[in-house]
Amino acid sequence: MFVLSTNTAGQAYWFVFYGQKLLTLLDNGKITVPLSHDLSAFNLEPAEKQYLGVLDNCPCYAVEISSKPSIPENVKFISLMRLFGLVEENLFRLAGKAFQIINWDRTHQYCSQCGAKTSKKLNEYAKVCSNCGFTVYPRISPCVIVAVLNEDKILLIRSKHFKVDFYTVISGFVESGETLEECLRREVKEEVGIEVKNISYFGSQPWPFPDSLMIAFTAEYDSGDITIDEEEIVDARWFTAGELLDLPGPISIARQLIDWFIQKNIINQASAHV
């Protein structure tokens, strides 16, 4: 059995991927990632590692392996989607970053412009062509996500693409030449057929499925009747705070938007009774 050491001096967090799955450790009832000097306990000697930053004063590295090792009983490879909500948020975010960096490194071994071999830049996440000098960076795909309110109700949808049925807020990828606000209005109009107004920035969140940056807004209903895009949406409705069921996981910014709406509703009700 592999156990985390209480002495972290000189140790590092290791984000080890085999295919699409991350090596995880069950430690005192919690799912985490290995914290150790190296990966010898797993009979691993990775040829290459990607530096991710520092967590709790310990360096963090991303590693990809090509064959599944013999691992202790309390260690498992788990997909990032399954890990969502099971690990601490800081670990999940780093795991997402590790996944994106490894995928980028694997898929950019050669230049897309001339086909020559690429090499890493030492001072940033970038790969440079050895022949033509073309430089490529990890891909980041901006995606807007919005909570649309209509007085004391919030608009939630259920997508055809969800593996688990739940209701969430509207989101969509930014297209070339669009502002974030233009994308938001277009996605809302395309998916549910209504117009919105009073758009306000809420926050953002990196989302590694596969390489998104979620940019969250709030908006108010302006006009129109709900008419769903039946190719994308199964259902779309206005919900009061008391009607909310089957929501996204707590780490997601979609859930943060919904929780913000619930809290806003509670404050408004309390003010009405003063």
C-alpha atoms as a PDB file:
ATOM      1  CA  MET A   1       0.000   0.000   0.000  1.00  0.00           C
ATOM      2  CA  PHE A   2       1.243   3.483  -0.895  1.00  0.00           C
ATOM      3  CA  VAL A   3       0.921   6.077   1.909  1.00  0.00           C
ATOM      4  CA  LEU A   4       1.551   9.817   1.825  1.00  0.00           C
ATOM      5  CA  SER A   5       4.457  10.993   3.945  1.00  0.00           C
ATOM      6  CA  THR A   6       3.857  13.652   6.600  1.00  0.00           C
ATOM      7  CA  ASN A   7       7.240  15.174   5.787  1.00  0.00           C
ATOM      8  CA  THR A   8       6.834  17.099   2.531  1.00  0.00           C
ATOM      9  CA  ALA A   9      10.388  18.489   2.343  1.00  0.00           C
ATOM     10  CA  GLY A  10      11.730  17.929  -1.147  1.00  0.00           C
ATOM     11  CA  GLN A  11       8.553  16.177  -2.266  1.00  0.00           C
ATOM     12  CA  ALA A  12       6.300  16.958  -5.212  1.00  0.00           C
ATOM     13  CA  TYR A  13       2.740  16.347  -6.340  1.00  0.00           C
ATOM     14  CA  TRP A  14       2.638  13.984  -9.326  1.00  0.00           C
ATOM     15  CA  PHE A  15      -0.205  14.094 -11.847  1.00  0.00           C
ATOM     16  CA  VAL A  16       0.315  10.861 -13.765  1.00  0.00           C
ATOM     17  CA  PHE A  17      -1.908  10.108 -16.767  1.00  0.00           C
ATOM     18  CA  TYR A  18      -2.405   6.807 -18.499  1.00  0.00           C
ATOM     19  CA  GLY A  19      -4.553   7.593 -21.526  1.00  0.00           C
ATOM     20  CA  GLN A  20      -7.437   9.753 -20.318  1.00  0.00           C
ATOM     21  CA  LYS A  21      -7.156   8.665 -16.671  1.00  0.00           C
ATOM     22  CA  LEU A  22      -5.273  10.111 -13.698  1.00  0.00           C
ATOM     23  CA  LEU A  23      -3.381   8.070 -11.119  1.00  0.00           C
ATOM     24  CA  THR A  24      -5.113   8.696  -7.765  1.00  0.00           C
ATOM     25  CA  LEU A  25      -4.521   7.607  -4.201  1.00  0.00           C
ATOM     26  CA  LEU A  26      -7.085   6.775  -1.509  1.00  0.00           C
ATOM     27  CA  ASP A  27      -5.533   8.218   1.659  1.00  0.00           C
ATOM     28  CA  ASN A  28      -7.465   8.245   4.954  1.00  0.00           C
ATOM     29  CA  GLY A  29     -10.772   8.141   3.103  1.00  0.00           C
ATOM     30  CA  LYS A  30      -9.826  11.005   0.732  1.00  0.00           C
ATOM     31  CA  ILE A  31      -8.954  10.799  -2.943  1.00  0.00           C
ATOM     32  CA  THR A  32      -5.756  12.675  -3.764  1.00  0.00           C
ATOM     33  CA  VAL A  33      -2.666  12.440  -5.978  1.00  0.00           C
ATOM     34  CA  PRO A  34       0.757  11.099  -4.992  1.00  0.00           C
ATOM     35  CA  LEU A  35       2.984  13.388  -2.937  1.00  0.00           C
ATOM     36  CA  SER A  36       6.494  11.959  -2.959  1.00  0.00           C
ATOM     37  CA  HIS A  37      10.108  12.566  -3.963  1.00  0.00           C
ATOM     38  CA  ASP A  38       9.658  10.516  -7.130  1.00  0.00           C
ATOM     39  CA  LEU A  39       7.483   7.781  -8.622  1.00  0.00           C
ATOM     40  CA  SER A  40       9.651   4.818  -7.664  1.00  0.00           C
ATOM     41  CA  ALA A  41       6.899   3.461  -5.379  1.00  0.00           C
ATOM     42  CA  PHE A  42       4.891   2.871  -8.568  1.00  0.00           C
ATOM     43  CA  ASN A  43       7.844   1.421 -10.467  1.00  0.00           C
ATOM     44  CA  LEU A  44       7.765   4.462 -12.724  1.00  0.00           C
ATOM     45  CA  GLU A  45      10.682   6.423 -14.115  1.00  0.00           C
ATOM     46  CA  PRO A  46       9.102   8.915 -16.522  1.00  0.00           C
ATOM     47  CA  ALA A  47      11.371  10.087 -19.297  1.00  0.00           C
ATOM     48  CA  GLU A  48       9.780  13.529 -19.276  1.00  0.00           C
ATOM     49  CA  LYS A  49       7.772  15.666 -16.893  1.00  0.00           C
ATOM     50  CA  GLN A  50       5.946  18.982 -17.256  1.00  0.00           C
ATOM     51  CA  TYR A  51       6.218  21.549 -14.470  1.00  0.00           C
ATOM     52  CA  LEU A  52       2.806  22.889 -13.410  1.00  0.00           C
ATOM     53  CA  GLY A  53       3.538  25.236 -10.520  1.00  0.00           C
ATOM     54  CA  VAL A  54       3.482  25.030  -6.719  1.00  0.00           C
ATOM     55  CA  LEU A  55       0.798  23.730  -4.332  1.00  0.00           C
ATOM     56  CA  ASP A  56       1.284  23.897  -0.545  1.00  0.00           C
ATOM     57  CA  ASN A  57       4.953  24.829  -1.133  1.00  0.00           C
ATOM     58  CA  CYS A  58       5.481  21.645  -3.150  1.00  0.00           C
ATOM     59  CA  PRO A  59       6.287  21.611  -6.885  1.00  0.00           C
ATOM     60  CA  CYS A  60       3.760  19.885  -9.149  1.00  0.00           C
ATOM     61  CA  TYR A  61       4.516  17.843 -12.247  1.00  0.00           C
ATOM     62  CA  ALA A  62       2.476  16.293 -15.048  1.00  0.00           C
ATOM     63  CA  VAL A  63       3.585  12.921 -16.421  1.00  0.00           C
ATOM     64  CA  GLU A  64       2.209  10.694 -19.169  1.00  0.00           C
ATOM     65  CA  ILE A  65       2.899   6.967 -19.277  1.00  0.00           C
ATOM     66  CA  SER A  66       2.382   4.604 -22.202  1.00  0.00           C
ATOM     67  CA  SER A  67       1.744   1.385 -20.268  1.00  0.00           C
ATOM     68  CA  LYS A  68      -0.227   0.734 -17.108  1.00  0.00           C
ATOM     69  CA  PRO A  69       2.059  -0.157 -14.190  1.00  0.00           C
ATOM     70  CA  SER A  70       1.507  -2.626 -11.381  1.00  0.00           C
ATOM     71  CA  ILE A  71       0.032  -0.428  -8.655  1.00  0.00           C
ATOM     72  CA  PRO A  72      -0.873  -0.886  -4.962  1.00  0.00           C
ATOM     73  CA  GLU A  73      -4.426  -1.732  -3.944  1.00  0.00           C
ATOM     74  CA  ASN A  74      -5.275   1.785  -2.761  1.00  0.00           C
ATOM     75  CA  VAL A  75      -4.185   3.391  -6.040  1.00  0.00           C
ATOM     76  CA  LYS A  76      -6.433   3.688  -9.109  1.00  0.00           C
ATOM     77  CA  PHE A  77      -6.557   5.383 -12.478  1.00  0.00           C
ATOM     78  CA  ILE A  78      -9.728   7.523 -12.678  1.00  0.00           C
ATOM     79  CA  SER A  79     -11.019   9.790 -15.454  1.00  0.00           C
ATOM     80  CA  LEU A  80     -11.143  13.528 -14.753  1.00  0.00           C
ATOM     81  CA  MET A  81     -14.898  13.603 -15.257  1.00  0.00           C
ATOM     82  CA  ARG A  82     -15.362  10.990 -12.533  1.00  0.00           C
ATOM     83  CA  LEU A  83     -13.012  12.926 -10.248  1.00  0.00           C
ATOM     84  CA  PHE A  84     -15.174  16.027 -10.579  1.00  0.00           C
ATOM     85  CA  GLY A  85     -16.471  16.787  -7.080  1.00  0.00           C
ATOM     86  CA  LEU A  86     -14.468  13.974  -5.418  1.00  0.00           C
ATOM     87  CA  VAL A  87     -11.162  15.792  -4.911  1.00  0.00           C
ATOM     88  CA  GLU A  88     -10.310  19.189  -3.479  1.00  0.00           C
ATOM     89  CA  GLU A  89     -10.839  22.047  -5.924  1.00  0.00           C
ATOM     90  CA  ASN A  90      -7.157  23.047  -6.026  1.00  0.00           C
ATOM     91  CA  LEU A  91      -6.149  19.482  -6.952  1.00  0.00           C
ATOM     92  CA  PHE A  92      -8.894  19.218  -9.562  1.00  0.00           C
ATOM     93  CA  ARG A  93      -7.787  22.471 -11.202  1.00  0.00           C
ATOM     94  CA  LEU A  94      -4.169  21.330 -11.328  1.00  0.00           C
ATOM     95  CA  ALA A  95      -5.228  17.938 -12.679  1.00  0.00           C
ATOM     96  CA  GLY A  96      -7.142  19.755 -15.410  1.00  0.00           C
ATOM     97  CA  LYS A  97      -4.110  21.894 -16.235  1.00  0.00           C
ATOM     98  CA  ALA A  98      -1.903  18.782 -16.299  1.00  0.00           C
ATOM     99  CA  PHE A  99      -4.328  17.036 -18.672  1.00  0.00           C
ATOM    100  CA  GLN A 100      -4.361  20.007 -21.054  1.00  0.00           C
ATOM    101  CA  ILE A 101      -0.565  20.438 -21.062  1.00  0.00           C
ATOM    102  CA  ILE A 102       0.055  16.740 -21.688  1.00  0.00           C
ATOM    103  CA  ASN A 103      -2.475  16.606 -24.536  1.00  0.00           C
ATOM    104  CA  TRP A 104      -0.936  19.719 -26.091  1.00  0.00           C
ATOM    105  CA  ASP A 105       2.584  18.309 -25.806  1.00  0.00           C
ATOM    106  CA  ARG A 106       1.578  14.961 -27.333  1.00  0.00           C
ATOM    107  CA  THR A 107      -0.326  16.474 -30.260  1.00  0.00           C
ATOM    108  CA  HIS A 108       2.300  19.098 -31.175  1.00  0.00           C
ATOM    109  CA  GLN A 109       5.437  17.018 -31.618  1.00  0.00           C
ATOM    110  CA  TYR A 110       5.601  18.273 -35.208  1.00  0.00           C
ATOM    111  CA  CYS A 111       4.997  21.646 -36.803  1.00  0.00           C
ATOM    112  CA  SER A 112       1.545  22.111 -38.355  1.00  0.00           C
ATOM    113  CA  GLN A 113       3.036  24.558 -40.862  1.00  0.00           C
ATOM    114  CA  CYS A 114       5.988  22.610 -42.333  1.00  0.00           C
ATOM    115  CA  GLY A 115       6.006  19.213 -40.586  1.00  0.00           C
ATOM    116  CA  ALA A 116       9.416  19.516 -38.925  1.00  0.00           C
ATOM    117  CA  LYS A 117      10.122  18.455 -35.339  1.00  0.00           C
ATOM    118  CA  THR A 118       9.227  20.927 -32.593  1.00  0.00           C
ATOM    119  CA  SER A 119      11.080  21.648 -29.352  1.00  0.00           C
ATOM    120  CA  LYS A 120      10.020  23.197 -26.053  1.00  0.00           C
ATOM    121  CA  LYS A 121      10.714  26.761 -25.049  1.00  0.00           C
ATOM    122  CA  LEU A 122      12.297  26.822 -21.609  1.00  0.00           C
ATOM    123  CA  ASN A 123      10.604  29.921 -20.180  1.00  0.00           C
ATOM    124  CA  GLU A 124       6.956  29.321 -21.164  1.00  0.00           C
ATOM    125  CA  TYR A 125       4.441  26.751 -22.388  1.00  0.00           C
ATOM    126  CA  ALA A 126       5.321  26.924 -26.062  1.00  0.00           C
ATOM    127  CA  LYS A 127       6.766  24.695 -28.771  1.00  0.00           C
ATOM    128  CA  VAL A 128       8.941  26.049 -31.562  1.00  0.00           C
ATOM    129  CA  CYS A 129       9.521  24.503 -34.980  1.00  0.00           C
ATOM    130  CA  SER A 130      13.174  23.606 -35.551  1.00  0.00           C
ATOM    131  CA  ASN A 131      12.827  24.463 -39.248  1.00  0.00           C
ATOM    132  CA  CYS A 132      10.562  27.459 -39.802  1.00  0.00           C
ATOM    133  CA  GLY A 133      10.397  28.884 -36.266  1.00  0.00           C
ATOM    134  CA  PHE A 134       6.608  28.667 -36.021  1.00  0.00           C
ATOM    135  CA  THR A 135       5.544  28.827 -32.356  1.00  0.00           C
ATOM    136  CA  VAL A 136       2.469  27.116 -30.939  1.00  0.00           C
ATOM    137  CA  TYR A 137       0.893  27.508 -27.500  1.00  0.00           C
ATOM    138  CA  PRO A 138      -1.612  25.325 -25.615  1.00  0.00           C
ATOM    139  CA  ARG A 139      -5.095  25.757 -27.018  1.00  0.00           C
ATOM    140  CA  ILE A 140      -7.691  27.555 -24.882  1.00  0.00           C
ATOM    141  CA  SER A 141     -11.304  27.619 -26.106  1.00  0.00           C
ATOM    142  CA  PRO A 142     -13.409  30.476 -24.623  1.00  0.00           C
ATOM    143  CA  CYS A 143     -16.962  29.511 -23.715  1.00  0.00           C
ATOM    144  CA  VAL A 144     -19.618  31.830 -22.289  1.00  0.00           C
ATOM    145  CA  ILE A 145     -22.052  30.596 -19.660  1.00  0.00           C
ATOM    146  CA  VAL A 146     -24.992  32.639 -18.410  1.00  0.00           C
ATOM    147  CA  ALA A 147     -27.672  32.698 -15.748  1.00  0.00           C
ATOM    148  CA  VAL A 148     -30.744  34.363 -17.289  1.00  0.00           C
ATOM    149  CA  LEU A 149     -33.185  35.733 -14.704  1.00  0.00           C
ATOM    150  CA  ASN A 150     -36.816  36.714 -15.092  1.00  0.00           C
ATOM    151  CA  GLU A 151     -37.831  38.427 -11.847  1.00  0.00           C
ATOM    152  CA  ASP A 152     -37.705  35.599  -9.237  1.00  0.00           C
ATOM    153  CA  LYS A 153     -37.013  32.804 -11.743  1.00  0.00           C
ATOM    154  CA  ILE A 154     -33.935  31.422 -13.487  1.00  0.00           C
ATOM    155  CA  LEU A 155     -33.806  29.822 -16.939  1.00  0.00           C
ATOM    156  CA  LEU A 156     -32.395  26.286 -16.915  1.00  0.00           C
ATOM    157  CA  ILE A 157     -31.996  23.793 -19.731  1.00  0.00           C
ATOM    158  CA  ARG A 158     -31.455  20.050 -20.076  1.00  0.00           C
ATOM    159  CA  SER A 159     -29.121  19.109 -22.908  1.00  0.00           C
ATOM    160  CA  LYS A 160     -29.318  16.041 -25.133  1.00  0.00           C
ATOM    161  CA  HIS A 161     -25.560  15.586 -24.719  1.00  0.00           C
ATOM    162  CA  PHE A 162     -25.492  15.100 -20.940  1.00  0.00           C
ATOM    163  CA  LYS A 163     -24.730  11.539 -19.842  1.00  0.00           C
ATOM    164  CA  VAL A 164     -26.566  12.248 -16.568  1.00  0.00           C
ATOM    165  CA  ASP A 165     -29.865  14.121 -16.582  1.00  0.00           C
ATOM    166  CA  PHE A 166     -29.666  17.478 -14.832  1.00  0.00           C
ATOM    167  CA  TYR A 167     -30.696  21.069 -15.454  1.00  0.00           C
ATOM    168  CA  THR A 168     -28.131  23.809 -15.896  1.00  0.00           C
ATOM    169  CA  VAL A 169     -27.597  27.279 -17.339  1.00  0.00           C
ATOM    170  CA  ILE A 170     -26.966  28.035 -21.016  1.00  0.00           C
ATOM    171  CA  SER A 171     -23.419  27.936 -22.395  1.00  0.00           C
ATOM    172  CA  GLY A 172     -21.703  27.987 -25.769  1.00  0.00           C
ATOM    173  CA  PHE A 173     -18.358  28.474 -27.490  1.00  0.00           C
ATOM    174  CA  VAL A 174     -17.250  31.854 -28.791  1.00  0.00           C
ATOM    175  CA  GLU A 175     -16.990  32.012 -32.581  1.00  0.00           C
ATOM    176  CA  SER A 176     -14.364  33.889 -34.589  1.00  0.00           C
ATOM    177  CA  GLY A 177     -14.992  37.627 -34.672  1.00  0.00           C
ATOM    178  CA  GLU A 178     -17.475  37.616 -31.765  1.00  0.00           C
ATOM    179  CA  THR A 179     -17.347  39.544 -28.523  1.00  0.00           C
ATOM    180  CA  LEU A 180     -18.310  37.621 -25.398  1.00  0.00           C
ATOM    181  CA  GLU A 181     -21.573  39.557 -25.188  1.00  0.00           C
ATOM    182  CA  GLU A 182     -22.432  38.834 -28.830  1.00  0.00           C
ATOM    183  CA  CYS A 183     -21.770  35.146 -28.244  1.00  0.00           C
ATOM    184  CA  LEU A 184     -24.000  35.157 -25.171  1.00  0.00           C
ATOM    185  CA  ARG A 185     -26.924  36.763 -26.997  1.00  0.00           C
ATOM    186  CA  ARG A 186     -26.506  34.403 -29.967  1.00  0.00           C
ATOM    187  CA  GLU A 187     -26.362  31.244 -27.839  1.00  0.00           C
ATOM    188  CA  VAL A 188     -29.433  32.227 -25.809  1.00  0.00           C
ATOM    189  CA  LYS A 189     -31.361  33.094 -28.977  1.00  0.00           C
ATOM    190  CA  GLU A 190     -30.324  29.877 -30.767  1.00  0.00           C
ATOM    191  CA  GLU A 191     -31.003  27.543 -27.857  1.00  0.00           C
ATOM    192  CA  VAL A 192     -34.199  28.975 -26.366  1.00  0.00           C
ATOM    193  CA  GLY A 193     -35.390  31.749 -28.725  1.00  0.00           C
ATOM    194  CA  ILE A 194     -35.429  34.690 -26.301  1.00  0.00           C
ATOM    195  CA  GLU A 195     -33.637  38.050 -26.069  1.00  0.00           C
ATOM    196  CA  VAL A 196     -31.690  39.201 -22.982  1.00  0.00           C
ATOM    197  CA  LYS A 197     -30.518  42.510 -21.539  1.00  0.00           C
ATOM    198  CA  ASN A 198     -28.386  43.923 -18.702  1.00  0.00           C
ATOM    199  CA  ILE A 199     -25.492  41.510 -19.154  1.00  0.00           C
ATOM    200  CA  SER A 200     -23.020  41.524 -16.232  1.00  0.00           C
ATOM    201  CA  TYR A 201     -19.743  39.686 -15.735  1.00  0.00           C
ATOM    202  CA  PHE A 202     -19.808  37.052 -12.970  1.00  0.00           C
ATOM    203  CA  GLY A 203     -16.504  35.137 -13.039  1.00  0.00           C
ATOM    204  CA  SER A 204     -14.452  32.558 -14.921  1.00  0.00           C
ATOM    205  CA  GLN A 205     -13.189  28.999 -14.560  1.00  0.00           C
ATOM    206  CA  PRO A 206     -10.770  26.807 -16.522  1.00  0.00           C
ATOM    207  CA  TRP A 207     -12.557  23.657 -17.645  1.00  0.00           C
ATOM    208  CA  PRO A 208     -10.432  20.781 -19.010  1.00  0.00           C
ATOM    209  CA  PHE A 209     -13.083  19.036 -21.149  1.00  0.00           C
ATOM    210  CA  PRO A 210     -11.035  19.326 -23.203  1.00  0.00           C
ATOM    211  CA  ASP A 211      -9.544  22.840 -23.117  1.00  0.00           C
ATOM    212  CA  SER A 212     -12.226  25.401 -22.264  1.00  0.00           C
ATOM    213  CA  LEU A 213     -12.204  28.648 -20.346  1.00  0.00           C
ATOM    214  CA  MET A 214     -15.702  29.214 -18.959  1.00  0.00           C
ATOM    215  CA  ILE A 215     -16.577  32.922 -18.776  1.00  0.00           C
ATOM    216  CA  ALA A 216     -19.701  33.443 -16.700  1.00  0.00           C
ATOM    217  CA  PHE A 217     -22.306  36.198 -16.887  1.00  0.00           C
ATOM    218  CA  THR A 218     -25.698  37.059 -15.516  1.00  0.00           C
ATOM    219  CA  ALA A 219     -28.432  38.584 -17.693  1.00  0.00           C
ATOM    220  CA  GLU A 220     -32.099  39.529 -17.544  1.00  0.00           C
ATOM    221  CA  TYR A 221     -34.946  38.347 -19.747  1.00  0.00           C
ATOM    222  CA  ASP A 222     -35.954  40.991 -22.285  1.00  0.00           C
ATOM    223  CA  SER A 223     -38.457  39.505 -24.744  1.00  0.00           C
ATOM    224  CA  GLY A 224     -39.690  36.427 -26.594  1.00  0.00           C
ATOM    225  CA  ASP A 225     -41.158  33.031 -25.760  1.00  0.00           C
ATOM    226  CA  ILE A 226     -39.095  29.939 -25.008  1.00  0.00           C
ATOM    227  CA  THR A 227     -38.644  27.901 -28.190  1.00  0.00           C
ATOM    228  CA  ILE A 228     -36.014  25.207 -27.763  1.00  0.00           C
ATOM    229  CA  ASP A 229     -33.459  24.053 -30.308  1.00  0.00           C
ATOM    230  CA  GLU A 230     -34.542  20.408 -30.444  1.00  0.00           C
ATOM    231  CA  GLU A 231     -31.186  19.287 -31.868  1.00  0.00           C
ATOM    232  CA  GLU A 232     -29.398  20.457 -28.701  1.00  0.00           C
ATOM    233  CA  ILE A 233     -31.990  20.853 -25.945  1.00  0.00           C
ATOM    234  CA  VAL A 234     -34.459  18.407 -24.392  1.00  0.00           C
ATOM    235  CA  ASP A 235     -36.176  20.934 -22.133  1.00  0.00           C
ATOM    236  CA  ALA A 236     -35.923  24.576 -21.037  1.00  0.00           C
ATOM    237  CA  ARG A 237     -37.976  26.190 -18.283  1.00  0.00           C
ATOM    238  CA  TRP A 238     -38.146  29.016 -15.778  1.00  0.00           C
ATOM    239  CA  PHE A 239     -37.541  27.779 -12.223  1.00  0.00           C
ATOM    240  CA  THR A 240     -38.069  29.420  -8.858  1.00  0.00           C
ATOM    241  CA  ALA A 241     -35.441  28.789  -6.162  1.00  0.00           C
ATOM    242  CA  GLY A 242     -37.752  26.281  -4.489  1.00  0.00           C
ATOM    243  CA  GLU A 243     -38.184  24.204  -7.651  1.00  0.00           C
ATOM    244  CA  LEU A 244     -34.506  23.467  -8.318  1.00  0.00           C
ATOM    245  CA  LEU A 245     -33.551  19.791  -8.574  1.00  0.00           C
ATOM    246  CA  ASP A 246     -30.795  17.717 -10.266  1.00  0.00           C
ATOM    247  CA  LEU A 247     -28.183  20.456 -10.554  1.00  0.00           C
ATOM    248  CA  PRO A 248     -24.544  20.512 -11.767  1.00  0.00           C
ATOM    249  CA  GLY A 249     -21.745  19.525  -9.378  1.00  0.00           C
ATOM    250  CA  PRO A 250     -20.572  22.027  -6.736  1.00  0.00           C
ATOM    251  CA  ILE A 251     -17.142  22.722  -8.272  1.00  0.00           C
ATOM    252  CA  SER A 252     -18.542  23.966 -11.592  1.00  0.00           C
ATOM    253  CA  ILE A 253     -19.126  27.642 -12.280  1.00  0.00           C
ATOM    254  CA  ALA A 254     -22.565  26.633 -13.594  1.00  0.00           C
ATOM    255  CA  ARG A 255     -23.457  25.608 -10.051  1.00  0.00           C
ATOM    256  CA  GLN A 256     -21.917  28.799  -8.684  1.00  0.00           C
ATOM    257  CA  LEU A 257     -24.269  30.807 -10.891  1.00  0.00           C
ATOM    258  CA  ILE A 258     -27.271  28.808  -9.691  1.00  0.00           C
ATOM    259  CA  ASP A 259     -26.199  29.104  -6.033  1.00  0.00           C
ATOM    260  CA  TRP A 260     -25.810  32.863  -6.557  1.00  0.00           C
ATOM    261  CA  PHE A 261     -29.410  32.988  -7.816  1.00  0.00           C
ATOM    262  CA  ILE A 262     -30.631  31.018  -4.783  1.00  0.00           C
ATOM    263  CA  GLN A 263     -28.786  33.334  -2.390  1.00  0.00           C
ATOM    264  CA  LYS A 264     -30.098  36.400  -4.225  1.00  0.00           C
ATOM    265  CA  ASN A 265     -33.633  35.024  -3.873  1.00  0.00           C
ATOM    266  CA  ILE A 266     -33.174  34.420  -0.137  1.00  0.00           C
ATOM    267  CA  ILE A 267     -31.924  37.982   0.380  1.00  0.00           C
ATOM    268  CA  ASN A 268     -34.817  39.437  -1.629  1.00  0.00           C
ATOM    269  CA  GLN A 269     -37.371  37.436   0.388  1.00  0.00           C
ATOM    270  CA  ALA A 270     -35.784  38.503   3.666  1.00  0.00           C
ATOM    271  CA  SER A 271     -35.855  42.175   2.576  1.00  0.00           C
ATOM    272  CA  ALA A 272     -39.523  41.879   1.628  1.00  0.00           C
ATOM    273  CA  HIS A 273     -40.395  40.803   5.180  1.00  0.00           C
ATOM    274  CA  VAL A 274     -38.537  43.589   6.941  1.00  0.00           C
END
